[in-house]
Amino acid sequence: MKKNNRVQVILECTEHKKTLLKGTSRYVTTKNKKNTNHRISLKKYNPILKKVTIHKEIK
């Protein structure tokens, strides 16, 4: 049997929490847990703030 090292992770906007706007900006992606064992952060578009922000991995 082949082991599957890819896992799904949820990315959440870090700047959106600081504002008092409703809703959250979240993205679902996959990462290889064997090569990337730390939490990832990517630049993604936030449709509520209408700009590109940093999204960090949440548990």
C-alpha atoms as a PDB file:
ATOM      1  CA  MET A   1       0.000   0.000   0.000  1.00  0.00           C
ATOM      2  CA  LYS A   2       1.096   3.523  -0.783  1.00  0.00           C
ATOM      3  CA  LYS A   3       1.158   6.091   2.024  1.00  0.00           C
ATOM      4  CA  ASN A   4      -0.517   9.394   1.304  1.00  0.00           C
ATOM      5  CA  ASN A   5       1.574  12.262   2.698  1.00  0.00           C
ATOM      6  CA  ARG A   6      -0.718  15.023   1.425  1.00  0.00           C
ATOM      7  CA  VAL A   7      -3.192  16.488   3.910  1.00  0.00           C
ATOM      8  CA  GLN A   8      -5.871  19.151   3.566  1.00  0.00           C
ATOM      9  CA  VAL A   9      -5.268  22.397   5.462  1.00  0.00           C
ATOM     10  CA  ILE A  10      -7.401  25.498   6.008  1.00  0.00           C
ATOM     11  CA  LEU A  11      -5.889  28.946   5.469  1.00  0.00           C
ATOM     12  CA  GLU A  12      -7.488  31.915   7.256  1.00  0.00           C
ATOM     13  CA  CYS A  13      -6.868  35.630   6.716  1.00  0.00           C
ATOM     14  CA  THR A  14      -4.783  37.325   9.427  1.00  0.00           C
ATOM     15  CA  GLU A  15      -5.800  40.928   8.655  1.00  0.00           C
ATOM     16  CA  HIS A  16      -9.537  40.243   8.650  1.00  0.00           C
ATOM     17  CA  LYS A  17      -9.548  39.390  12.363  1.00  0.00           C
ATOM     18  CA  LYS A  18      -8.316  42.915  13.180  1.00  0.00           C
ATOM     19  CA  THR A  19     -11.292  44.558  11.446  1.00  0.00           C
ATOM     20  CA  LEU A  20     -14.822  44.457  12.791  1.00  0.00           C
ATOM     21  CA  LEU A  21     -16.289  43.279   9.475  1.00  0.00           C
ATOM     22  CA  LYS A  22     -18.528  40.211   9.415  1.00  0.00           C
ATOM     23  CA  GLY A  23     -17.448  36.932   7.845  1.00  0.00           C
ATOM     24  CA  THR A  24     -14.068  35.325   7.323  1.00  0.00           C
ATOM     25  CA  SER A  25     -11.852  34.659   4.337  1.00  0.00           C
ATOM     26  CA  ARG A  26     -10.774  31.016   4.261  1.00  0.00           C
ATOM     27  CA  TYR A  27      -9.185  28.811   1.623  1.00  0.00           C
ATOM     28  CA  VAL A  28      -8.715  25.034   1.560  1.00  0.00           C
ATOM     29  CA  THR A  29      -5.520  23.625   0.069  1.00  0.00           C
ATOM     30  CA  THR A  30      -3.233  20.619   0.447  1.00  0.00           C
ATOM     31  CA  LYS A  31       0.332  20.311   1.636  1.00  0.00           C
ATOM     32  CA  ASN A  32       2.856  17.503   1.871  1.00  0.00           C
ATOM     33  CA  LYS A  33       3.281  16.881   5.608  1.00  0.00           C
ATOM     34  CA  LYS A  34       6.530  14.988   5.051  1.00  0.00           C
ATOM     35  CA  ASN A  35       8.272  17.920   3.321  1.00  0.00           C
ATOM     36  CA  THR A  36       6.428  20.769   5.052  1.00  0.00           C
ATOM     37  CA  ASN A  37       5.901  19.903   8.698  1.00  0.00           C
ATOM     38  CA  HIS A  38       5.475  23.528   9.866  1.00  0.00           C
ATOM     39  CA  ARG A  39       2.409  25.731   9.339  1.00  0.00           C
ATOM     40  CA  ILE A  40       2.281  27.464   5.982  1.00  0.00           C
ATOM     41  CA  SER A  41       1.255  31.007   5.081  1.00  0.00           C
ATOM     42  CA  LEU A  42       0.340  32.160   1.594  1.00  0.00           C
ATOM     43  CA  LYS A  43      -0.758  35.415  -0.010  1.00  0.00           C
ATOM     44  CA  LYS A  44      -4.370  35.044  -1.137  1.00  0.00           C
ATOM     45  CA  TYR A  45      -7.166  37.389  -2.199  1.00  0.00           C
ATOM     46  CA  ASN A  46      -9.640  38.457   0.488  1.00  0.00           C
ATOM     47  CA  PRO A  47     -12.960  39.307  -1.219  1.00  0.00           C
ATOM     48  CA  ILE A  48     -14.338  41.138   1.831  1.00  0.00           C
ATOM     49  CA  LEU A  49     -11.341  43.493   2.158  1.00  0.00           C
ATOM     50  CA  LYS A  50     -10.887  43.485  -1.657  1.00  0.00           C
ATOM     51  CA  LYS A  51      -7.112  43.067  -1.514  1.00  0.00           C
ATOM     52  CA  VAL A  52      -4.403  40.411  -1.277  1.00  0.00           C
ATOM     53  CA  THR A  53      -3.576  39.495   2.322  1.00  0.00           C
ATOM     54  CA  ILE A  54      -1.562  36.846   4.162  1.00  0.00           C
ATOM     55  CA  HIS A  55      -3.516  33.716   5.006  1.00  0.00           C
ATOM     56  CA  LYS A  56      -2.060  31.395   7.666  1.00  0.00           C
ATOM     57  CA  GLU A  57      -2.816  27.760   8.357  1.00  0.00           C
ATOM     58  CA  ILE A  58      -5.229  27.066  11.201  1.00  0.00           C
ATOM     59  CA  LYS A  59      -5.809  23.791  13.004  1.00  0.00           C
END
